[in-house]
Protein backbone atom coordinates (compact mmCIF):
# COMPACT_ATOMS: atom_id res chain seq x y z
CA MET A 1 7.91 256.84 197.33
CA PRO A 2 8.23 259.03 200.21
CA ALA A 3 9.79 258.03 203.43
CA THR A 4 7.98 259.68 205.75
CA THR A 5 4.66 260.90 206.51
CA ARG A 6 3.28 263.91 208.75
CA ALA A 7 -0.01 262.39 210.92
CA ALA A 8 -2.05 263.42 213.40
CA VAL A 9 -1.71 260.92 216.12
CA LEU A 10 -4.16 260.10 219.39
CA ARG A 11 -1.41 259.80 222.16
CA ALA A 12 -4.04 260.48 225.31
CA HIS A 13 -8.13 259.88 225.23
CA GLY A 14 -9.51 263.29 225.07
CA GLU A 15 -6.49 265.42 224.26
CA PRO A 16 -5.48 267.16 221.16
CA LEU A 17 -4.09 265.02 218.16
CA VAL A 18 -0.35 265.47 218.04
CA ILE A 19 1.32 266.16 214.42
CA GLU A 20 4.47 264.04 213.61
CA GLU A 21 6.31 262.77 211.11
CA LEU A 22 5.84 258.65 211.24
CA PRO A 23 8.08 256.51 209.11
CA LEU A 24 6.53 254.87 206.20
CA PRO A 25 7.62 251.40 204.84
CA GLY A 26 10.68 251.43 202.54
CA GLU A 27 8.59 249.24 199.67
CA CYS A 28 5.78 247.40 199.08
CA ALA A 29 4.97 244.24 199.62
CA PRO A 30 3.10 242.40 196.51
CA GLY A 31 -0.58 243.39 196.74
CA ALA A 32 0.08 246.44 198.64
CA ALA A 33 0.17 250.64 197.99
CA VAL A 34 1.09 253.39 199.80
CA VAL A 35 -1.55 256.10 198.63
CA GLU A 36 -1.70 259.81 199.45
CA VAL A 37 -4.90 260.43 201.38
CA THR A 38 -6.89 263.11 199.33
CA CYS A 39 -10.34 262.61 202.12
CA ALA A 40 -10.92 261.21 205.39
CA THR A 41 -14.78 261.65 206.50
CA LEU A 42 -14.72 261.11 210.66
CA CYS A 43 -17.05 258.54 212.38
CA ALA A 44 -18.73 258.31 215.35
CA THR A 45 -16.24 255.79 216.09
CA ASP A 46 -13.49 257.78 215.79
CA VAL A 47 -15.24 260.35 218.17
CA HIS A 48 -15.45 257.50 220.60
CA LEU A 49 -11.98 256.34 220.75
CA TRP A 50 -10.76 259.85 220.66
CA SER A 51 -12.79 260.50 223.81
CA GLY A 52 -12.15 257.12 225.28
CA ALA A 53 -15.53 256.48 225.66
CA MET A 54 -14.30 253.44 223.27
CA SER A 55 -10.44 251.87 223.93
CA PHE A 56 -8.65 248.98 223.76
CA PRO A 57 -5.69 247.78 225.80
CA GLY A 58 -2.58 248.70 224.45
CA MET A 59 -3.99 250.56 221.38
CA LEU A 60 -2.24 253.85 221.55
CA PRO A 61 -0.53 255.58 220.03
CA LEU A 62 -2.67 255.91 216.96
CA VAL A 63 -3.78 257.52 213.78
CA LEU A 64 -7.70 257.84 213.78
CA GLY A 65 -9.20 257.74 210.59
CA HIS A 66 -10.55 254.35 208.61
CA GLU A 67 -13.04 256.01 205.95
CA MET A 68 -10.93 257.43 203.41
CA VAL A 69 -9.44 257.93 200.04
CA GLY A 70 -6.91 258.10 198.47
CA ARG A 71 -4.07 258.61 194.89
CA VAL A 72 -1.78 255.90 194.85
CA VAL A 73 1.31 256.64 194.82
CA ALA A 74 3.53 253.58 194.97
CA HIS A 75 2.30 249.86 194.78
CA GLY A 76 4.04 246.20 195.08
CA GLU A 77 4.06 243.57 192.34
CA ASP A 78 0.80 242.67 190.85
CA THR A 79 -1.88 245.05 193.25
CA ARG A 80 -5.23 244.92 192.09
CA ASP A 81 -8.47 245.95 193.18
CA ALA A 82 -11.05 243.41 194.22
CA LEU A 83 -12.75 243.07 191.07
CA GLY A 84 -8.96 241.53 189.91
CA ARG A 85 -8.45 245.25 188.10
CA PRO A 86 -4.71 246.29 187.77
CA ILE A 87 -3.51 249.31 190.22
CA LYS A 88 -1.38 251.92 189.07
CA VAL A 89 0.08 254.76 190.31
CA GLY A 90 -2.00 257.86 190.02
CA ASP A 91 -5.02 255.86 190.47
CA ARG A 92 -8.05 256.87 193.28
CA ILE A 93 -8.50 253.99 195.47
CA GLY A 94 -10.73 253.39 198.53
CA TRP A 95 -10.04 250.50 200.84
CA SER A 96 -11.92 247.95 203.48
CA GLU A 97 -9.88 246.63 206.29
CA SER A 98 -7.33 244.22 206.29
CA THR A 99 -8.23 240.46 206.65
CA CYS A 100 -5.92 237.49 207.26
CA GLY A 101 -7.63 234.42 204.96
CA HIS A 102 -6.58 231.83 207.07
CA CYS A 103 -8.54 232.11 210.36
CA HIS A 104 -11.87 230.66 211.52
CA GLY A 105 -13.66 233.23 210.59
CA CYS A 106 -12.08 234.00 207.13
CA THR A 107 -12.80 230.21 205.98
CA VAL A 108 -15.32 228.67 207.78
CA LEU A 109 -17.49 231.50 208.45
CA ARG A 110 -16.50 233.19 205.35
CA GLU A 111 -17.07 236.62 207.20
CA PRO A 112 -14.36 239.41 206.83
CA VAL A 113 -15.83 241.11 209.69
CA ALA A 114 -15.32 238.07 211.81
CA CYS A 115 -11.63 237.57 211.11
CA ALA A 116 -9.15 237.28 213.91
CA ASN A 117 -6.66 238.71 212.77
CA ARG A 118 -8.62 241.95 210.98
CA GLY A 119 -6.60 245.19 210.72
CA TYR A 120 -8.96 248.31 210.68
CA GLY A 121 -7.91 251.84 211.81
CA PHE A 122 -7.86 251.72 215.64
CA MET A 123 -6.17 248.29 215.60
CA GLN A 124 -3.22 249.31 214.31
CA ARG A 125 -1.01 251.46 216.38
CA ALA A 126 1.53 254.32 215.04
CA ASP A 127 4.40 253.26 216.92
CA ALA A 128 4.30 249.95 215.07
CA TRP A 129 4.84 248.55 211.37
CA PRO A 130 3.83 249.89 209.03
CA TYR A 131 2.89 252.86 211.22
CA ALA A 132 0.85 254.69 208.67
CA THR A 133 -2.63 253.37 208.11
CA GLY A 134 -5.52 255.61 209.31
CA GLY A 135 -6.90 258.45 207.32
CA LEU A 136 -5.13 261.38 209.14
CA ALA A 137 -2.20 261.18 207.77
CA GLU A 138 -0.64 263.01 204.52
CA HIS A 139 -0.15 258.70 203.26
CA ALA A 140 -0.98 255.79 204.46
CA TYR A 141 0.44 252.37 203.58
CA VAL A 142 -2.54 249.84 202.31
CA ALA A 143 -2.14 246.22 202.94
CA ALA A 144 -1.61 243.71 200.68
CA THR A 145 -4.69 241.71 202.31
CA SER A 146 -6.87 244.69 202.29
CA GLN A 147 -9.83 245.03 199.69
CA LYS A 148 -9.32 247.49 197.40
CA LEU A 149 -11.48 249.29 195.12
CA LEU A 150 -10.91 251.83 191.97
CA LEU A 151 -12.91 254.29 192.32
CA PRO A 152 -15.53 256.09 189.69
CA ASP A 153 -14.81 259.23 188.80
CA ASP A 154 -18.26 260.76 189.13
CA VAL A 155 -18.26 259.88 192.98
CA ALA A 156 -17.18 262.48 195.05
CA ASP A 157 -13.59 261.78 197.75
CA THR A 158 -16.50 262.44 200.60
CA TRP A 159 -18.80 259.78 199.20
CA ALA A 160 -16.45 257.32 198.38
CA ALA A 161 -14.88 257.91 201.97
CA ALA A 162 -17.66 257.78 203.60
CA SER A 163 -19.20 254.89 202.26
CA GLY A 164 -15.50 252.53 203.85
CA CYS A 165 -17.46 252.49 206.97
CA ALA A 166 -20.95 254.74 207.76
CA VAL A 167 -22.75 253.85 204.48
CA LYS A 168 -21.42 250.13 204.02
CA THR A 169 -22.37 249.17 208.05
CA VAL A 170 -26.17 250.70 207.22
CA VAL A 171 -26.31 248.98 203.66
CA HIS A 172 -24.90 245.60 205.75
CA ALA A 173 -27.20 246.30 207.94
CA PHE A 174 -30.37 245.97 205.63
CA GLU A 175 -28.77 242.78 204.29
CA ARG A 176 -28.80 241.50 207.35
CA ALA A 177 -32.48 242.26 208.21
CA GLY A 178 -33.24 240.61 204.91
CA GLY A 179 -34.01 243.17 202.66
CA LEU A 180 -37.01 245.38 202.80
CA ARG A 181 -40.46 244.66 201.88
CA PRO A 182 -42.07 247.14 199.89
CA GLY A 183 -44.28 249.70 202.25
CA ALA A 184 -43.24 247.98 205.58
CA ASN A 185 -42.78 250.76 208.52
CA VAL A 186 -39.25 251.25 209.15
CA VAL A 187 -38.43 253.37 212.51
CA ILE A 188 -34.84 254.49 212.33
CA GLN A 189 -33.07 255.28 215.99
CA GLY A 190 -30.22 257.78 215.76
CA ALA A 191 -30.18 260.72 213.28
CA GLY A 192 -26.29 260.87 212.56
CA GLY A 193 -24.17 259.77 209.98
CA LEU A 194 -25.53 255.94 210.06
CA GLY A 195 -29.10 257.10 211.16
CA LEU A 196 -29.56 259.76 207.71
CA VAL A 197 -27.80 257.04 205.43
CA ALA A 198 -30.51 254.68 206.91
CA THR A 199 -33.64 257.30 206.38
CA ALA A 200 -32.26 257.85 202.69
CA LEU A 201 -31.86 253.83 202.07
CA ALA A 202 -35.29 252.81 203.58
CA THR A 203 -37.09 255.70 201.65
CA ALA A 204 -35.59 254.38 197.95
CA ALA A 205 -36.24 251.10 199.18
CA GLY A 206 -40.02 251.82 199.14
CA ALA A 207 -40.59 251.59 202.84
CA GLY A 208 -43.96 252.33 203.53
CA VAL A 209 -43.65 255.09 206.69
CA VAL A 210 -40.07 256.38 207.05
CA ILE A 211 -40.09 257.25 210.92
CA THR A 212 -36.53 259.06 212.18
CA VAL A 213 -35.84 259.71 216.46
CA GLY A 214 -33.01 261.43 217.34
CA ALA A 215 -31.81 265.07 217.78
CA PRO A 216 -30.56 267.59 217.32
CA ALA A 217 -33.53 269.85 215.55
CA ALA A 218 -30.98 270.32 212.31
CA ARG A 219 -30.40 266.56 212.13
CA LEU A 220 -33.87 265.69 212.22
CA ASP A 221 -34.40 268.67 209.45
CA LEU A 222 -32.16 266.30 207.38
CA ALA A 223 -33.77 263.66 207.85
CA THR A 224 -36.94 265.14 206.59
CA ARG A 225 -35.12 266.04 203.36
CA PHE A 226 -33.60 262.30 203.30
CA GLY A 227 -37.29 260.89 203.29
CA ALA A 228 -38.30 261.03 206.52
CA ASP A 229 -42.12 260.85 207.38
CA VAL A 230 -41.68 261.70 210.63
CA THR A 231 -39.49 262.69 212.92
CA ILE A 232 -39.28 262.14 216.70
CA GLY A 233 -36.61 264.32 218.92
CA LEU A 234 -35.61 262.88 222.43
CA SER A 235 -37.37 266.01 224.58
CA GLY A 236 -40.05 262.96 225.89
CA GLU A 237 -40.25 260.21 227.81
CA PRO A 238 -39.57 257.22 225.89
CA ALA A 239 -43.49 256.24 226.38
CA ASP A 240 -44.15 259.34 224.92
CA ARG A 241 -42.06 258.47 221.43
CA VAL A 242 -43.29 254.79 221.08
CA ALA A 243 -47.14 256.66 221.19
CA GLU A 244 -45.68 258.59 218.29
CA VAL A 245 -44.66 255.68 216.75
CA MET A 246 -47.88 254.25 216.95
CA ALA A 247 -50.12 256.65 215.72
CA ALA A 248 -47.83 257.15 212.60
CA THR A 249 -48.82 253.63 211.84
CA ASP A 250 -51.57 253.42 212.90
CA GLY A 251 -51.27 251.37 215.88
CA ARG A 252 -49.09 248.52 214.56
CA GLY A 253 -45.73 249.83 215.03
CA ALA A 254 -42.58 249.30 212.82
CA ASP A 255 -42.15 246.56 211.06
CA LEU A 256 -38.16 247.31 210.75
CA VAL A 257 -36.46 248.81 213.66
CA LEU A 258 -32.81 250.06 213.23
CA ASP A 259 -30.39 251.36 216.01
CA MET A 260 -27.78 253.40 214.68
CA ALA A 261 -27.48 255.60 217.71
CA GLY A 262 -26.68 252.67 220.51
CA ALA A 263 -27.77 255.09 223.25
CA PRO A 264 -28.88 253.65 226.58
CA GLY A 265 -32.49 252.84 226.51
CA VAL A 266 -32.82 252.59 222.96
CA ALA A 267 -33.47 248.44 222.74
CA ALA A 268 -36.03 248.78 225.13
CA GLU A 269 -37.55 251.83 222.88
CA ALA A 270 -36.92 249.64 220.15
CA VAL A 271 -38.93 246.38 221.03
CA ASP A 272 -41.83 248.21 222.09
CA MET A 273 -41.75 250.22 219.01
CA ALA A 274 -41.50 246.88 216.79
CA ALA A 275 -44.59 245.63 215.39
CA TRP A 276 -46.12 241.94 215.92
CA GLY A 277 -43.50 239.68 213.81
CA GLY A 278 -41.49 242.64 212.98
CA LYS A 279 -37.50 243.17 212.76
CA TYR A 280 -35.26 244.76 215.37
CA VAL A 281 -31.41 245.02 214.03
CA VAL A 282 -28.53 246.40 216.33
CA VAL A 283 -25.91 247.80 214.90
CA GLY A 284 -24.89 251.41 216.99
CA THR A 285 -24.30 250.12 220.17
CA THR A 286 -20.73 249.98 221.04
CA GLY A 287 -18.75 248.51 224.21
CA PRO A 288 -19.67 245.94 226.58
CA ARG A 289 -22.43 247.97 228.44
CA PRO A 290 -25.38 246.08 229.09
CA ASP A 291 -28.40 247.49 227.76
CA PRO A 292 -32.38 245.83 229.37
CA VAL A 293 -34.09 244.20 226.89
CA PRO A 294 -37.91 242.80 227.95
CA LEU A 295 -37.66 239.69 226.77
CA GLY A 296 -41.22 238.74 227.04
CA THR A 297 -42.24 241.35 224.48
CA VAL A 298 -39.87 239.96 222.23
CA MET A 299 -41.82 236.33 222.74
CA GLY A 300 -45.20 237.73 222.54
CA LYS A 301 -44.37 239.65 219.80
CA GLN A 302 -42.91 237.01 217.96
CA LEU A 303 -39.62 239.48 216.79
CA ALA A 304 -36.71 239.01 215.15
CA VAL A 305 -33.09 240.70 217.37
CA LEU A 306 -30.44 240.49 214.64
CA GLY A 307 -26.70 242.03 215.44
CA SER A 308 -24.91 244.13 212.85
CA LEU A 309 -21.28 244.81 212.46
CA ASN A 310 -20.07 247.00 210.04
CA GLY A 311 -19.32 245.39 206.06
CA ASP A 312 -17.53 244.04 204.05
CA ILE A 313 -16.01 244.73 200.04
CA SER A 314 -19.70 243.43 198.94
CA ASP A 315 -21.07 246.39 201.20
CA TYR A 316 -18.60 249.16 200.20
CA HIS A 317 -18.90 248.26 196.32
CA ARG A 318 -22.44 248.67 196.70
CA ALA A 319 -22.55 251.50 199.05
CA ILE A 320 -20.67 253.21 195.94
CA GLU A 321 -23.59 252.36 194.00
CA PHE A 322 -26.07 253.39 196.28
CA LEU A 323 -25.05 257.20 196.92
CA ARG A 324 -23.91 257.06 193.11
CA GLU A 325 -27.37 255.87 191.74
CA PHE A 326 -29.44 258.18 193.92
CA ARG A 327 -27.30 261.50 193.84
CA SER A 328 -30.22 263.35 192.15
CA PHE A 329 -32.57 262.17 195.19
CA PHE A 330 -30.81 262.70 197.64
CA ALA A 331 -28.15 265.84 198.31
CA TRP A 332 -25.38 264.08 199.72
CA ASP A 333 -23.09 266.68 200.29
CA GLU A 334 -25.35 268.11 203.08
CA LEU A 335 -23.82 265.41 205.27
CA PHE A 336 -20.39 266.70 205.42
CA SER A 337 -18.85 269.63 206.84
CA GLU A 338 -16.47 272.10 205.23
CA PRO A 339 -12.79 270.19 205.23
CA VAL A 340 -10.23 271.24 207.52
CA GLY A 341 -5.87 269.86 207.35
CA LEU A 342 -4.93 268.10 209.88
CA ALA A 343 -4.51 270.50 212.14
CA GLY A 344 -8.23 270.96 212.42
CA ALA A 345 -8.81 267.31 213.28
CA SER A 346 -9.21 267.59 216.75
CA ASP A 347 -11.50 270.68 216.56
CA ALA A 348 -13.35 268.83 214.19
CA LEU A 349 -13.61 265.52 216.58
CA ALA A 350 -14.64 268.31 219.46
CA ALA A 351 -17.69 269.30 217.09
CA MET A 352 -18.70 266.18 216.21
CA SER A 353 -18.94 265.23 220.06
CA ARG A 354 -21.02 268.15 220.97
CA LEU A 355 -23.42 267.07 217.65
CA GLU A 356 -22.42 270.12 215.67
CA GLN A 357 -21.44 267.79 212.63
CA VAL A 358 -22.86 265.24 210.96
CA LYS A 359 -19.27 263.73 209.31
CA ALA A 360 -16.49 266.36 209.70
CA VAL A 361 -14.06 266.18 206.82
CA VAL A 362 -10.15 266.24 206.41
CA GLN A 363 -7.95 266.85 204.04
CA PRO A 364 -4.53 265.82 205.35
CA GLY A 365 -2.80 268.25 202.52
CA LEU A 366 -5.00 270.93 203.52
CA SER A 367 -2.28 273.99 205.32
């Protein structure tokens, strides 16, 4: 087992990542593992953390990356995946965030995302044990309390990595909405990784009219290839976008509106776009910024407004299976950019911030 690992460390918001050598734990605890990270895909959250748009007190220094897969190079006693299968050296695994198993969120609510001690990428400093837990490192320590999955051979590294956050977040959002009635009209706000996967999932689930709202034009073109019947850009006024949704749905509006963007003003638009008795699921919003919502419209239309936060290991498993089962319908590889090594991670984050890439890919072992 290696004693140290190279990692791209965030030491200051908005600054290039610093390539450093970080220590690795001297041994694996029972149920834990050390993996050689073969692929990390970057999420919009990584971009927000890098830029400082999203921050937490005392979070730096930090190894970014919470969508990753790797090959096991060492493991503790009786290390198994979430389905009880033994994990061996050489196995390819993905994993979800660590949970404590004994707080109110874990035991009473039985919601892993409500864990008071949840360990997830941006919550684990790079100067404290176990040091390297993020995806932008050649090796990562996977805690015993992280739920792990042995990955099928026919699922690409990029697909499996993105399932660790983006895809499972979308799967969880549809579950929070109670699924999708066949023929229901759906609006997806946002054409990033979340919005594009949501477009595909709505199409696969038998939606009626699927409408994707976002930018730039290249992403809306991809949304069309992922099943969107109508795409709406952001050049007009909110009232124009609402009118286009109404026109596309014969004046009814959307039975389900999914906020996958989190941009200012989307809440008011979502409520106006929704059909009477519809559902509005908030997924993409980050941080404490207030956003006006017309509560009179929520009441008058009898709308259900739901929050949806990330997902757990069950959503991760379903995300893998969704990508696997629908690979002949959707060209998933179109979501991902050409891979770069750790030295190119800063440029990849900057490119994503300019909306030039949907999902940047980092292979830490590349020179």
